[in-house]
């Protein structure tokens, strides 16, 4: 009995100790599981922060992307506001230059400003031109061109009636020709990329023809000078007369007033004379009536 009674408390102690161990193990397991959960919470917070930053970056990029088109639109509006016009071409045919003028948006508040100078073209055929220089022995002819001269190609031809033009070996912009016994005609074609952009013709007269043309010019020049001189003198005279009338307006007015009054007097006198003549013409016709009245009274 004693031995059995002593064994029971020992078994109870063993079972109690085992339960304590199991409880301690369970608590350790709870702590271990709680630690990863807290770490996961922190990771979730970090992930949410990263997501927010990514969203903010995307918003910033979207705003920048929206800002860029707005800036581009403003630039386009600025370019649309600027107005450009073109100046007159320096030539009426062939190739020349013209100014590109900005009429709005000039620096310094100017109304107009030159932006650049560009090439302009007109009709290809320039007709008959004048020599660059000439003397009694030779003539210098020039093709239609603009700077730089070596940009174009030039082709000189001698024109003959009822024949094909003769192409010359000279391919420069200026051709010097010696005068001959007969007048000659030359033509120059200006080419740009094998395309004719200008064509001009020249007539080279003989020495005798040139002298005759030079002697015939002074007569026409003298007549022109005479006519211009007479016209200038008449204009000066009219100007002086107008100035005199303006300065002496009162005297001129009184003079014209006296003249008008004298004309009125002359007109009145002429009208009175006309009336007297008409009365004299009517008086003989009235006399027989008066005589008849007198005779009738005497008879009574």
C-alpha atoms as a PDB file:
ATOM      1  CA  UNK A   1       0.000   0.000   0.000  1.00  0.00           C
ATOM      2  CA  UNK A   2       2.704   2.445   0.868  1.00  0.00           C
ATOM      3  CA  UNK A   3       4.670   1.546  -2.132  1.00  0.00           C
ATOM      4  CA  UNK A   4       1.647   2.109  -4.372  1.00  0.00           C
ATOM      5  CA  UNK A   5       0.767   5.370  -2.633  1.00  0.00           C
ATOM      6  CA  UNK A   6       4.275   6.634  -3.117  1.00  0.00           C
ATOM      7  CA  UNK A   7       4.194   5.838  -6.829  1.00  0.00           C
ATOM      8  CA  UNK A   8       1.105   7.923  -7.512  1.00  0.00           C
ATOM      9  CA  UNK A   9       2.594  11.301  -6.504  1.00  0.00           C
ATOM     10  CA  UNK A  10       5.655  10.573  -8.593  1.00  0.00           C
ATOM     11  CA  UNK A  11       3.503   9.954 -11.682  1.00  0.00           C
ATOM     12  CA  UNK A  12       1.617  13.152 -11.098  1.00  0.00           C
ATOM     13  CA  UNK A  13       4.844  15.112 -10.958  1.00  0.00           C
ATOM     14  CA  UNK A  14       6.009  13.587 -14.231  1.00  0.00           C
ATOM     15  CA  UNK A  15       2.773  14.426 -16.002  1.00  0.00           C
ATOM     16  CA  UNK A  16       2.862  17.993 -14.617  1.00  0.00           C
ATOM     17  CA  UNK A  17       6.425  18.508 -15.831  1.00  0.00           C
ATOM     18  CA  UNK A  18       5.558  17.175 -19.242  1.00  0.00           C
ATOM     19  CA  UNK A  19       2.617  19.559 -19.505  1.00  0.00           C
ATOM     20  CA  UNK A  20       4.910  22.476 -18.589  1.00  0.00           C
ATOM     21  CA  UNK A  21       7.342  21.518 -21.318  1.00  0.00           C
ATOM     22  CA  UNK A  22       4.532  21.267 -23.837  1.00  0.00           C
ATOM     23  CA  UNK A  23       3.246  24.720 -22.791  1.00  0.00           C
ATOM     24  CA  UNK A  24       6.680  26.268 -23.092  1.00  0.00           C
ATOM     25  CA  UNK A  25       7.126  24.780 -26.574  1.00  0.00           C
ATOM     26  CA  UNK A  26       3.722  26.086 -27.570  1.00  0.00           C
ATOM     27  CA  UNK A  27       4.613  29.620 -26.393  1.00  0.00           C
ATOM     28  CA  UNK A  28       7.883  29.542 -28.330  1.00  0.00           C
ATOM     29  CA  UNK A  29       6.014  28.443 -31.433  1.00  0.00           C
ATOM     30  CA  UNK A  30       3.519  31.350 -31.019  1.00  0.00           C
ATOM     31  CA  UNK A  31       6.404  33.842 -30.700  1.00  0.00           C
ATOM     32  CA  UNK A  32       8.114  32.449 -33.783  1.00  0.00           C
ATOM     33  CA  UNK A  33       4.933  32.708 -35.887  1.00  0.00           C
ATOM     34  CA  UNK A  34       4.240  36.257 -34.624  1.00  0.00           C
ATOM     35  CA  UNK A  35       7.694  37.480 -35.685  1.00  0.00           C
ATOM     36  CA  UNK A  36       7.245  36.609 -39.405  1.00  0.00           C
ATOM     37  CA  UNK A  37       3.789  38.190 -39.328  1.00  0.00           C
ATOM     38  CA  UNK A  38       5.198  41.483 -38.091  1.00  0.00           C
ATOM     39  CA  UNK A  39       7.964  41.296 -40.712  1.00  0.00           C
ATOM     40  CA  UNK A  40       5.345  40.662 -43.412  1.00  0.00           C
ATOM     41  CA  UNK A  41       3.413  43.718 -42.206  1.00  0.00           C
ATOM     42  CA  UNK A  42       6.506  45.825 -42.554  1.00  0.00           C
ATOM     43  CA  UNK A  43       7.162  44.404 -46.016  1.00  0.00           C
ATOM     44  CA  UNK A  44       3.584  45.205 -47.000  1.00  0.00           C
ATOM     45  CA  UNK A  45       4.010  48.763 -45.791  1.00  0.00           C
ATOM     46  CA  UNK A  46       7.231  49.053 -47.786  1.00  0.00           C
ATOM     47  CA  UNK A  47       5.502  47.663 -50.847  1.00  0.00           C
ATOM     48  CA  UNK A  48       2.637  50.145 -50.477  1.00  0.00           C
ATOM     49  CA  UNK A  49       5.163  52.997 -50.145  1.00  0.00           C
ATOM     50  CA  UNK A  50       6.937  51.804 -53.309  1.00  0.00           C
ATOM     51  CA  UNK A  51       3.607  51.641 -55.122  1.00  0.00           C
ATOM     52  CA  UNK A  52       2.747  55.185 -54.022  1.00  0.00           C
ATOM     53  CA  UNK A  53       6.142  56.445 -55.227  1.00  0.00           C
ATOM     54  CA  UNK A  54       5.629  54.716 -58.585  1.00  0.00           C
ATOM     55  CA  UNK A  55       2.196  56.315 -58.883  1.00  0.00           C
ATOM     56  CA  UNK A  56       3.680  59.730 -58.053  1.00  0.00           C
ATOM     57  CA  UNK A  57       6.403  59.238 -60.667  1.00  0.00           C
ATOM     58  CA  UNK A  58       3.797  58.270 -63.249  1.00  0.00           C
ATOM     59  CA  UNK A  59       1.751  61.366 -62.382  1.00  0.00           C
ATOM     60  CA  UNK A  60       4.842  63.567 -62.736  1.00  0.00           C
ATOM     61  CA  UNK A  61       5.698  61.992 -66.093  1.00  0.00           C
ATOM     62  CA  UNK A  62       2.113  62.485 -67.245  1.00  0.00           C
ATOM     63  CA  UNK A  63       2.219  66.134 -66.171  1.00  0.00           C
ATOM     64  CA  UNK A  64       5.530  66.599 -67.976  1.00  0.00           C
ATOM     65  CA  UNK A  65       4.114  64.876 -71.044  1.00  0.00           C
ATOM     66  CA  UNK A  66       1.117  67.222 -70.917  1.00  0.00           C
ATOM     67  CA  UNK A  67       3.403  70.227 -70.414  1.00  0.00           C
ATOM     68  CA  UNK A  68       5.521  69.391 -73.431  1.00  0.00           C
ATOM     69  CA  UNK A  69       2.590  69.458 -75.892  1.00  0.00           C
ATOM     70  CA  UNK A  70       1.450  72.731 -74.330  1.00  0.00           C
ATOM     71  CA  UNK A  71       4.906  74.205 -74.878  1.00  0.00           C
ATOM     72  CA  UNK A  72       4.933  72.868 -78.430  1.00  0.00           C
ATOM     73  CA  UNK A  73       1.503  74.398 -78.993  1.00  0.00           C
ATOM     74  CA  UNK A  74       2.743  77.752 -77.671  1.00  0.00           C
ATOM     75  CA  UNK A  75       5.743  77.586 -79.999  1.00  0.00           C
ATOM     76  CA  UNK A  76       3.452  76.759 -82.914  1.00  0.00           C
ATOM     77  CA  UNK A  77       1.208  79.662 -81.993  1.00  0.00           C
ATOM     78  CA  UNK A  78       4.216  81.954 -81.900  1.00  0.00           C
ATOM     79  CA  UNK A  79       5.323  80.804 -85.329  1.00  0.00           C
ATOM     80  CA  UNK A  80       1.794  81.219 -86.673  1.00  0.00           C
ATOM     81  CA  UNK A  81       1.636  84.803 -85.393  1.00  0.00           C
ATOM     82  CA  UNK A  82       4.737  85.738 -87.410  1.00  0.00           C
ATOM     83  CA  UNK A  83       3.851  87.078 -90.859  1.00  0.00           C
ATOM     84  CA  UNK A  84       6.251  87.023 -93.792  1.00  0.00           C
ATOM     85  CA  UNK A  85       6.130  88.920 -97.073  1.00  0.00           C
ATOM     86  CA  UNK A  86       8.432  88.916-100.069  1.00  0.00           C
ATOM     87  CA  UNK A  87      10.112  91.921-101.642  1.00  0.00           C
ATOM     88  CA  UNK A  88      10.330  92.748-105.315  1.00  0.00           C
ATOM     89  CA  UNK A  89      12.587  90.619-107.459  1.00  0.00           C
ATOM     90  CA  UNK A  90      15.686  92.431-108.725  1.00  0.00           C
ATOM     91  CA  UNK A  91      14.994  91.303-112.309  1.00  0.00           C
ATOM     92  CA  UNK A  92      11.933  91.060-114.530  1.00  0.00           C
ATOM     93  CA  UNK A  93      13.246  87.989-116.348  1.00  0.00           C
ATOM     94  CA  UNK A  94      15.761  85.242-115.773  1.00  0.00           C
ATOM     95  CA  UNK A  95      17.194  84.761-112.286  1.00  0.00           C
ATOM     96  CA  UNK A  96      17.567  87.355-109.519  1.00  0.00           C
ATOM     97  CA  UNK A  97      17.256  87.833-105.768  1.00  0.00           C
ATOM     98  CA  UNK A  98      14.563  89.164-103.429  1.00  0.00           C
ATOM     99  CA  UNK A  99      14.237  89.954 -99.736  1.00  0.00           C
ATOM    100  CA  UNK A 100      12.163  87.931 -97.274  1.00  0.00           C
ATOM    101  CA  UNK A 101      10.662  90.486 -94.872  1.00  0.00           C
ATOM    102  CA  UNK A 102       9.138  89.731 -91.464  1.00  0.00           C
ATOM    103  CA  UNK A 103       6.197  92.057 -90.722  1.00  0.00           C
ATOM    104  CA  UNK A 104       5.377  90.799 -87.223  1.00  0.00           C
ATOM    105  CA  UNK A 105       7.558  89.549 -84.389  1.00  0.00           C
ATOM    106  CA  UNK A 106      10.690  91.542 -85.257  1.00  0.00           C
ATOM    107  CA  UNK A 107      13.268  92.096 -82.496  1.00  0.00           C
ATOM    108  CA  UNK A 108      13.313  95.497 -80.856  1.00  0.00           C
ATOM    109  CA  UNK A 109       9.670  96.205 -81.710  1.00  0.00           C
ATOM    110  CA  UNK A 110      10.450  97.079 -85.321  1.00  0.00           C
ATOM    111  CA  UNK A 111       7.567  96.973 -87.788  1.00  0.00           C
ATOM    112  CA  UNK A 112       9.573  95.201 -90.500  1.00  0.00           C
ATOM    113  CA  UNK A 113      12.876  93.365 -90.618  1.00  0.00           C
ATOM    114  CA  UNK A 114      14.744  91.422 -93.296  1.00  0.00           C
ATOM    115  CA  UNK A 115      15.022  87.735 -92.461  1.00  0.00           C
ATOM    116  CA  UNK A 116      17.057  86.538 -95.424  1.00  0.00           C
ATOM    117  CA  UNK A 117      17.684  86.992 -99.141  1.00  0.00           C
ATOM    118  CA  UNK A 118      16.600  84.244-101.518  1.00  0.00           C
ATOM    119  CA  UNK A 119      16.657  83.499-105.221  1.00  0.00           C
ATOM    120  CA  UNK A 120      13.753  84.481-107.462  1.00  0.00           C
ATOM    121  CA  UNK A 121      13.028  83.708-111.087  1.00  0.00           C
ATOM    122  CA  UNK A 122      11.052  85.249-113.899  1.00  0.00           C
ATOM    123  CA  UNK A 123      10.403  84.414-117.540  1.00  0.00           C
ATOM    124  CA  UNK A 124      13.316  82.701-119.246  1.00  0.00           C
ATOM    125  CA  UNK A 125      13.377  84.904-122.374  1.00  0.00           C
ATOM    126  CA  UNK A 126      14.939  88.298-121.591  1.00  0.00           C
ATOM    127  CA  UNK A 127      14.798  89.553-125.178  1.00  0.00           C
ATOM    128  CA  UNK A 128      17.530  91.852-126.502  1.00  0.00           C
ATOM    129  CA  UNK A 129      19.992  93.259-124.032  1.00  0.00           C
ATOM    130  CA  UNK A 130      22.627  96.009-123.972  1.00  0.00           C
ATOM    131  CA  UNK A 131      26.385  95.380-123.955  1.00  0.00           C
ATOM    132  CA  UNK A 132      28.287  95.538-120.712  1.00  0.00           C
ATOM    133  CA  UNK A 133      30.777  97.913-122.328  1.00  0.00           C
ATOM    134  CA  UNK A 134      31.740  98.784-125.889  1.00  0.00           C
ATOM    135  CA  UNK A 135      34.306 100.650-127.925  1.00  0.00           C
ATOM    136  CA  UNK A 136      34.973 101.178-131.634  1.00  0.00           C
ATOM    137  CA  UNK A 137      36.955  97.932-131.793  1.00  0.00           C
ATOM    138  CA  UNK A 138      35.271  95.484-129.387  1.00  0.00           C
ATOM    139  CA  UNK A 139      32.218  94.769-127.286  1.00  0.00           C
ATOM    140  CA  UNK A 140      31.834  93.001-123.929  1.00  0.00           C
ATOM    141  CA  UNK A 141      28.637  91.001-123.435  1.00  0.00           C
ATOM    142  CA  UNK A 142      27.389  89.521-120.155  1.00  0.00           C
ATOM    143  CA  UNK A 143      24.979  86.658-119.438  1.00  0.00           C
ATOM    144  CA  UNK A 144      22.170  86.857-116.878  1.00  0.00           C
ATOM    145  CA  UNK A 145      23.496  85.593-113.526  1.00  0.00           C
ATOM    146  CA  UNK A 146      23.716  86.210-109.795  1.00  0.00           C
ATOM    147  CA  UNK A 147      26.511  85.607-107.309  1.00  0.00           C
ATOM    148  CA  UNK A 148      28.313  83.290-107.171  1.00  0.00           C
ATOM    149  CA  UNK A 149      29.023  83.344-110.902  1.00  0.00           C
ATOM    150  CA  UNK A 150      30.460  79.819-111.016  1.00  0.00           C
ATOM    151  CA  UNK A 151      27.191  78.377-109.772  1.00  0.00           C
ATOM    152  CA  UNK A 152      25.712  78.442-113.289  1.00  0.00           C
ATOM    153  CA  UNK A 153      26.814  77.169-116.659  1.00  0.00           C
ATOM    154  CA  UNK A 154      26.829  79.452-119.699  1.00  0.00           C
ATOM    155  CA  UNK A 155      26.440  78.634-123.368  1.00  0.00           C
ATOM    156  CA  UNK A 156      27.198  81.276-126.024  1.00  0.00           C
ATOM    157  CA  UNK A 157      25.772  80.977-129.528  1.00  0.00           C
ATOM    158  CA  UNK A 158      26.112  82.948-132.747  1.00  0.00           C
ATOM    159  CA  UNK A 159      22.745  83.503-134.401  1.00  0.00           C
ATOM    160  CA  UNK A 160      22.559  83.433-138.197  1.00  0.00           C
ATOM    161  CA  UNK A 161      19.415  83.914-140.305  1.00  0.00           C
ATOM    162  CA  UNK A 162      17.939  80.729-141.721  1.00  0.00           C
ATOM    163  CA  UNK A 163      20.698  78.628-140.101  1.00  0.00           C
ATOM    164  CA  UNK A 164      21.282  76.683-136.938  1.00  0.00           C
ATOM    165  CA  UNK A 165      22.986  78.613-134.114  1.00  0.00           C
ATOM    166  CA  UNK A 166      26.726  78.059-133.812  1.00  0.00           C
ATOM    167  CA  UNK A 167      27.777  77.147-130.258  1.00  0.00           C
ATOM    168  CA  UNK A 168      30.991  78.838-129.119  1.00  0.00           C
ATOM    169  CA  UNK A 169      33.695  77.267-126.980  1.00  0.00           C
ATOM    170  CA  UNK A 170      33.585  80.107-124.452  1.00  0.00           C
ATOM    171  CA  UNK A 171      31.588  79.055-121.350  1.00  0.00           C
ATOM    172  CA  UNK A 172      32.238  82.093-119.152  1.00  0.00           C
ATOM    173  CA  UNK A 173      29.673  84.665-118.065  1.00  0.00           C
ATOM    174  CA  UNK A 174      31.340  87.477-120.042  1.00  0.00           C
ATOM    175  CA  UNK A 175      32.220  87.344-123.732  1.00  0.00           C
ATOM    176  CA  UNK A 176      34.415  89.875-125.553  1.00  0.00           C
ATOM    177  CA  UNK A 177      33.724  90.185-129.282  1.00  0.00           C
ATOM    178  CA  UNK A 178      35.686  92.070-131.948  1.00  0.00           C
ATOM    179  CA  UNK A 179      33.632  94.109-134.400  1.00  0.00           C
ATOM    180  CA  UNK A 180      33.493  92.840-137.955  1.00  0.00           C
ATOM    181  CA  UNK A 181      32.370  94.127-141.334  1.00  0.00           C
ATOM    182  CA  UNK A 182      28.832  92.894-140.785  1.00  0.00           C
ATOM    183  CA  UNK A 183      26.614  93.108-137.706  1.00  0.00           C
ATOM    184  CA  UNK A 184      26.359  89.926-135.681  1.00  0.00           C
ATOM    185  CA  UNK A 185      23.842  88.543-133.181  1.00  0.00           C
ATOM    186  CA  UNK A 186      24.822  86.565-130.084  1.00  0.00           C
ATOM    187  CA  UNK A 187      22.756  84.652-127.533  1.00  0.00           C
ATOM    188  CA  UNK A 188      23.674  83.439-124.068  1.00  0.00           C
ATOM    189  CA  UNK A 189      21.781  80.716-122.188  1.00  0.00           C
ATOM    190  CA  UNK A 190      22.205  80.479-118.411  1.00  0.00           C
ATOM    191  CA  UNK A 191      21.814  76.897-117.157  1.00  0.00           C
ATOM    192  CA  UNK A 192      21.182  75.620-113.629  1.00  0.00           C
ATOM    193  CA  UNK A 193      21.315  71.816-113.283  1.00  0.00           C
ATOM    194  CA  UNK A 194      21.094  71.536-117.080  1.00  0.00           C
ATOM    195  CA  UNK A 195      17.925  73.655-117.085  1.00  0.00           C
ATOM    196  CA  UNK A 196      17.786  76.992-118.925  1.00  0.00           C
ATOM    197  CA  UNK A 197      16.828  79.688-116.412  1.00  0.00           C
ATOM    198  CA  UNK A 198      17.656  82.757-118.562  1.00  0.00           C
ATOM    199  CA  UNK A 199      18.308  83.584-122.212  1.00  0.00           C
ATOM    200  CA  UNK A 200      19.403  86.962-123.595  1.00  0.00           C
ATOM    201  CA  UNK A 201      20.412  88.184-127.077  1.00  0.00           C
ATOM    202  CA  UNK A 202      22.796  90.920-128.201  1.00  0.00           C
ATOM    203  CA  UNK A 203      23.470  92.757-131.468  1.00  0.00           C
ATOM    204  CA  UNK A 204      27.055  93.731-132.227  1.00  0.00           C
ATOM    205  CA  UNK A 205      27.100  96.562-134.774  1.00  0.00           C
ATOM    206  CA  UNK A 206      29.919  97.421-137.098  1.00  0.00           C
ATOM    207  CA  UNK A 207      32.209 100.386-136.482  1.00  0.00           C
ATOM    208  CA  UNK A 208      30.487 102.553-139.092  1.00  0.00           C
ATOM    209  CA  UNK A 209      27.032 101.756-137.721  1.00  0.00           C
ATOM    210  CA  UNK A 210      28.205 102.590-134.212  1.00  0.00           C
ATOM    211  CA  UNK A 211      29.568 105.948-135.345  1.00  0.00           C
ATOM    212  CA  UNK A 212      26.333 106.741-137.150  1.00  0.00           C
ATOM    213  CA  UNK A 213      24.315 105.888-134.060  1.00  0.00           C
ATOM    214  CA  UNK A 214      26.523 108.058-131.910  1.00  0.00           C
ATOM    215  CA  UNK A 215      26.260 111.049-134.287  1.00  0.00           C
ATOM    216  CA  UNK A 216      22.478 110.778-134.489  1.00  0.00           C
ATOM    217  CA  UNK A 217      22.057 110.860-130.731  1.00  0.00           C
ATOM    218  CA  UNK A 218      23.150 114.493-130.069  1.00  0.00           C
ATOM    219  CA  UNK A 219      20.269 115.910-132.135  1.00  0.00           C
ATOM    220  CA  UNK A 220      17.688 114.060-130.113  1.00  0.00           C
ATOM    221  CA  UNK A 221      19.527 114.927-126.921  1.00  0.00           C
ATOM    222  CA  UNK A 222      19.569 118.621-127.832  1.00  0.00           C
ATOM    223  CA  UNK A 223      15.850 118.643-128.572  1.00  0.00           C
ATOM    224  CA  UNK A 224      15.142 116.870-125.316  1.00  0.00           C
ATOM    225  CA  UNK A 225      17.268 119.328-123.361  1.00  0.00           C
ATOM    226  CA  UNK A 226      15.545 122.298-125.044  1.00  0.00           C
ATOM    227  CA  UNK A 227      12.066 120.989-124.254  1.00  0.00           C
ATOM    228  CA  UNK A 228      13.022 120.285-120.650  1.00  0.00           C
ATOM    229  CA  UNK A 229      14.524 123.761-120.263  1.00  0.00           C
ATOM    230  CA  UNK A 230      11.390 125.473-121.618  1.00  0.00           C
ATOM    231  CA  UNK A 231       9.210 123.383-119.336  1.00  0.00           C
ATOM    232  CA  UNK A 232      11.300 124.290-116.282  1.00  0.00           C
ATOM    233  CA  UNK A 233      11.167 128.006-117.166  1.00  0.00           C
ATOM    234  CA  UNK A 234       7.368 127.913-117.530  1.00  0.00           C
ATOM    235  CA  UNK A 235       6.974 126.129-114.210  1.00  0.00           C
ATOM    236  CA  UNK A 236       9.187 128.680-112.440  1.00  0.00           C
ATOM    237  CA  UNK A 237       7.220 131.568-113.989  1.00  0.00           C
ATOM    238  CA  UNK A 238       3.899 130.089-112.854  1.00  0.00           C
ATOM    239  CA  UNK A 239       5.258 129.597-109.341  1.00  0.00           C
ATOM    240  CA  UNK A 240       6.415 133.228-109.131  1.00  0.00           C
ATOM    241  CA  UNK A 241       3.031 134.470-110.385  1.00  0.00           C
ATOM    242  CA  UNK A 242       1.215 132.455-107.741  1.00  0.00           C
ATOM    243  CA  UNK A 243       3.536 133.754-105.023  1.00  0.00           C
ATOM    244  CA  UNK A 244       2.964 137.348-106.185  1.00  0.00           C
ATOM    245  CA  UNK A 245      -0.822 136.879-106.131  1.00  0.00           C
ATOM    246  CA  UNK A 246      -0.714 135.386-102.631  1.00  0.00           C
ATOM    247  CA  UNK A 247       1.479 138.192-101.259  1.00  0.00           C
ATOM    248  CA  UNK A 248      -0.513 141.016-102.915  1.00  0.00           C
ATOM    249  CA  UNK A 249      -3.941 139.447-102.579  1.00  0.00           C
ATOM    250  CA  UNK A 250      -5.595 142.656-101.342  1.00  0.00           C
ATOM    251  CA  UNK A 251      -4.345 144.711-104.312  1.00  0.00           C
ATOM    252  CA  UNK A 252      -5.301 141.978-106.741  1.00  0.00           C
ATOM    253  CA  UNK A 253      -8.765 141.764-105.175  1.00  0.00           C
ATOM    254  CA  UNK A 254      -9.306 145.526-105.436  1.00  0.00           C
ATOM    255  CA  UNK A 255      -8.023 145.551-109.013  1.00  0.00           C
ATOM    256  CA  UNK A 256     -10.440 142.812-110.006  1.00  0.00           C
ATOM    257  CA  UNK A 257     -13.214 144.643-108.117  1.00  0.00           C
ATOM    258  CA  UNK A 258     -12.608 147.913-110.061  1.00  0.00           C
ATOM    259  CA  UNK A 259     -12.493 145.987-113.295  1.00  0.00           C
ATOM    260  CA  UNK A 260     -15.759 144.256-112.465  1.00  0.00           C
ATOM    261  CA  UNK A 261     -17.422 147.585-111.615  1.00  0.00           C
ATOM    262  CA  UNK A 262     -16.271 149.161-114.892  1.00  0.00           C
ATOM    263  CA  UNK A 263     -17.663 146.221-116.803  1.00  0.00           C
ATOM    264  CA  UNK A 264     -20.952 146.639-114.947  1.00  0.00           C
ATOM    265  CA  UNK A 265     -21.030 150.346-115.840  1.00  0.00           C
ATOM    266  CA  UNK A 266     -20.343 149.607-119.471  1.00  0.00           C
ATOM    267  CA  UNK A 267     -23.092 147.033-119.478  1.00  0.00           C
ATOM    268  CA  UNK A 268     -25.556 149.477-117.893  1.00  0.00           C
ATOM    269  CA  UNK A 269     -24.667 152.194-120.413  1.00  0.00           C
ATOM    270  CA  UNK A 270     -25.084 149.811-123.285  1.00  0.00           C
ATOM    271  CA  UNK A 271     -28.464 148.744-121.929  1.00  0.00           C
ATOM    272  CA  UNK A 272     -29.572 152.376-121.582  1.00  0.00           C
ATOM    273  CA  UNK A 273     -28.465 153.094-125.120  1.00  0.00           C
ATOM    274  CA  UNK A 274     -30.417 150.123-126.289  1.00  0.00           C
ATOM    275  CA  UNK A 275     -33.528 151.389-124.497  1.00  0.00           C
ATOM    276  CA  UNK A 276     -33.141 154.890-126.009  1.00  0.00           C
ATOM    277  CA  UNK A 277     -32.788 153.483-129.488  1.00  0.00           C
ATOM    278  CA  UNK A 278     -35.885 151.349-129.022  1.00  0.00           C
ATOM    279  CA  UNK A 279     -37.879 154.353-127.758  1.00  0.00           C
ATOM    280  CA  UNK A 280     -36.799 156.431-130.749  1.00  0.00           C
ATOM    281  CA  UNK A 281     -37.816 153.677-133.069  1.00  0.00           C
ATOM    282  CA  UNK A 282     -41.273 153.484-131.472  1.00  0.00           C
ATOM    283  CA  UNK A 283     -41.982 157.263-131.379  1.00  0.00           C
ATOM    284  CA  UNK A 284     -42.732 157.802-135.169  1.00  0.00           C
ATOM    285  CA  UNK A 285     -45.350 155.120-135.046  1.00  0.00           C
ATOM    286  CA  UNK A 286     -47.039 156.861-132.154  1.00  0.00           C
ATOM    287  CA  UNK A 287     -47.165 160.315-133.927  1.00  0.00           C
ATOM    288  CA  UNK A 288     -50.071 159.639-136.382  1.00  0.00           C
ATOM    289  CA  UNK A 289     -52.339 158.764-133.520  1.00  0.00           C
ATOM    290  CA  UNK A 290     -51.642 162.057-131.741  1.00  0.00           C
ATOM    291  CA  UNK A 291     -52.197 164.057-134.944  1.00  0.00           C
ATOM    292  CA  UNK A 292     -55.565 162.395-135.529  1.00  0.00           C
ATOM    293  CA  UNK A 293     -56.657 163.290-132.000  1.00  0.00           C
ATOM    294  CA  UNK A 294     -55.635 166.909-132.529  1.00  0.00           C
ATOM    295  CA  UNK A 295     -57.522 167.184-135.839  1.00  0.00           C
ATOM    296  CA  UNK A 296     -60.658 165.690-134.316  1.00  0.00           C
ATOM    297  CA  UNK A 297     -60.547 168.179-131.445  1.00  0.00           C
ATOM    298  CA  UNK A 298     -60.088 171.118-133.923  1.00  0.00           C
ATOM    299  CA  UNK A 299     -63.021 169.986-135.991  1.00  0.00           C
ATOM    300  CA  UNK A 300     -65.222 169.892-132.959  1.00  0.00           C
END
